Amino acid sequence: MPTNQKIITPTQPWSKQNITLLGDAAHPMLPTMGQGACTALEDAFVVAKCLKQLFNPIVAFQQYELKRFPRTKAIVEQSLRAGKMGELDHPFGVVLRNTFIKLMGATISSSFKSLHAYRA
């Protein structure tokens, strides 16, 4: 990703009265972790669940946002860090990054397991 692009960090609120945002509209993220569509689907499931349980859409959207913001914020921030690692172009930095990834492969793999273990 070019360094001149503006990265949007997670912010709130996602909702205003009876309107809310889902997916990239609420929490845009880099494709470095391949979680954009996944989080959008999770959002849709959680917002539907909240609307089913709470008859007032304003309250339902507030509940949805409370449930989803911590997780999506963590994923967005993690994808930003991964994207920055991919931007390295100094030969020494690239060697360090590649060595780190090889040494930490099991840990990195485990962190993805926790992403995939989410249950709404």
Protein backbone atom coordinates (compact mmCIF):
# COMPACT_ATOMS: atom_id res chain seq x y z
CA MET A 1 0.00 0.00 0.00
CA PRO A 2 1.43 3.41 -0.92
CA THR A 3 2.45 5.49 2.08
CA ASN A 4 0.59 8.55 0.76
CA GLN A 5 -2.83 6.95 1.34
CA LYS A 6 -4.72 8.06 4.42
CA ILE A 7 -5.47 5.25 6.83
CA ILE A 8 -8.72 5.56 8.73
CA THR A 9 -8.57 4.37 12.32
CA PRO A 10 -11.71 3.07 14.02
CA THR A 11 -14.09 5.70 15.35
CA GLN A 12 -17.58 5.86 16.75
CA PRO A 13 -20.51 6.38 16.53
CA TRP A 14 -21.67 4.16 13.66
CA SER A 15 -25.31 4.95 14.24
CA LYS A 16 -27.50 8.02 14.18
CA GLN A 17 -31.09 7.54 15.27
CA ASN A 18 -32.54 4.70 13.18
CA ILE A 19 -29.62 4.43 10.72
CA THR A 20 -26.43 2.45 11.24
CA LEU A 21 -23.33 1.45 9.33
CA LEU A 22 -21.95 -2.05 8.75
CA GLY A 23 -18.72 -3.46 7.35
CA ASP A 24 -16.27 -1.12 5.67
CA ALA A 25 -18.67 1.80 6.04
CA ALA A 26 -18.30 1.48 9.83
CA HIS A 27 -14.75 0.16 10.12
CA PRO A 28 -12.73 0.24 6.88
CA MET A 29 -9.67 -1.97 6.96
CA LEU A 30 -6.74 -2.91 4.78
CA PRO A 31 -6.96 -6.27 3.00
CA THR A 32 -3.77 -7.47 4.71
CA MET A 33 -5.61 -9.94 6.95
CA GLY A 34 -8.51 -10.81 4.66
CA GLN A 35 -11.11 -9.98 7.33
CA GLY A 36 -13.14 -7.19 5.68
CA ALA A 37 -15.95 -9.37 4.32
CA CYS A 38 -15.87 -11.56 7.43
CA THR A 39 -16.41 -8.63 9.77
CA ALA A 40 -19.18 -7.29 7.53
CA LEU A 41 -20.99 -10.63 7.75
CA GLU A 42 -20.48 -10.70 11.52
CA ASP A 43 -21.89 -7.16 11.71
CA ALA A 44 -24.98 -8.17 9.72
CA PHE A 45 -25.58 -11.17 11.99
CA VAL A 46 -25.16 -9.15 15.19
CA VAL A 47 -27.31 -6.22 14.03
CA ALA A 48 -30.07 -8.65 12.98
CA LYS A 49 -29.86 -10.37 16.37
CA CYS A 50 -30.06 -7.01 18.18
CA LEU A 51 -33.04 -5.89 16.07
CA LYS A 52 -34.82 -9.17 16.83
CA GLN A 53 -34.25 -8.83 20.60
CA LEU A 54 -34.86 -5.09 20.95
CA PHE A 55 -37.90 -3.60 19.28
CA ASN A 56 -36.50 -0.06 19.25
CA PRO A 57 -34.02 0.21 16.34
CA ILE A 58 -32.15 3.09 18.00
CA VAL A 59 -31.45 0.97 21.09
CA ALA A 60 -30.70 -2.09 18.92
CA PHE A 61 -28.11 -0.17 16.90
CA GLN A 62 -26.48 1.13 20.07
CA GLN A 63 -26.27 -2.43 21.40
CA TYR A 64 -24.85 -3.69 18.09
CA GLU A 65 -22.16 -1.02 18.17
CA LEU A 66 -21.25 -1.81 21.79
CA LYS A 67 -20.88 -5.49 20.93
CA ARG A 68 -18.93 -5.02 17.70
CA PHE A 69 -16.64 -2.03 18.22
CA PRO A 70 -13.93 -3.67 20.39
CA ARG A 71 -13.48 -6.61 18.03
CA THR A 72 -13.50 -4.61 14.80
CA LYS A 73 -11.19 -1.98 16.27
CA ALA A 74 -8.66 -4.68 17.19
CA ILE A 75 -8.82 -6.23 13.70
CA VAL A 76 -8.47 -2.85 11.96
CA GLU A 77 -5.46 -1.97 14.11
CA GLN A 78 -3.89 -5.39 13.53
CA SER A 79 -4.35 -5.05 9.75
CA LEU A 80 -2.76 -1.59 9.89
CA ARG A 81 0.30 -3.03 11.67
CA ALA A 82 0.53 -5.87 9.15
CA GLY A 83 0.26 -3.37 6.30
CA LYS A 84 3.09 -1.28 7.71
CA MET A 85 5.28 -4.38 7.91
CA GLY A 86 4.56 -5.00 4.24
CA GLU A 87 5.72 -1.50 3.32
CA LEU A 88 9.30 -2.13 4.41
CA ASP A 89 11.68 -1.64 1.52
CA HIS A 90 15.07 -1.26 3.19
CA PRO A 91 16.95 -4.55 2.64
CA PHE A 92 17.89 -4.92 6.32
CA GLY A 93 14.30 -4.22 7.42
CA VAL A 94 12.96 -6.78 4.93
CA VAL A 95 15.39 -9.44 6.22
CA LEU A 96 14.40 -8.69 9.83
CA ARG A 97 10.68 -8.83 8.98
CA ASN A 98 11.00 -12.10 7.06
CA THR A 99 13.06 -13.68 9.83
CA PHE A 100 10.56 -12.52 12.45
CA ILE A 101 7.67 -13.99 10.49
CA LYS A 102 9.47 -17.33 10.13
CA LEU A 103 10.30 -17.47 13.83
CA MET A 104 6.83 -16.40 14.94
CA GLY A 105 4.87 -18.48 12.41
CA ALA A 106 3.11 -20.62 15.02
CA THR A 107 2.16 -17.59 17.10
CA ILE A 108 0.87 -15.72 14.06
CA SER A 109 -1.15 -18.78 13.05
CA SER A 110 -2.63 -19.01 16.56
CA SER A 111 -3.72 -15.37 16.42
CA PHE A 112 -5.77 -16.18 13.31
CA LYS A 113 -7.38 -19.12 15.10
CA SER A 114 -8.69 -16.70 17.74
CA LEU A 115 -10.11 -14.49 14.97
CA HIS A 116 -11.92 -17.46 13.48
CA ALA A 117 -13.17 -18.70 16.85
CA TYR A 118 -15.46 -15.67 17.29
CA ARG A 119 -19.08 -16.47 18.05
CA ALA A 120 -21.65 -13.70 17.94
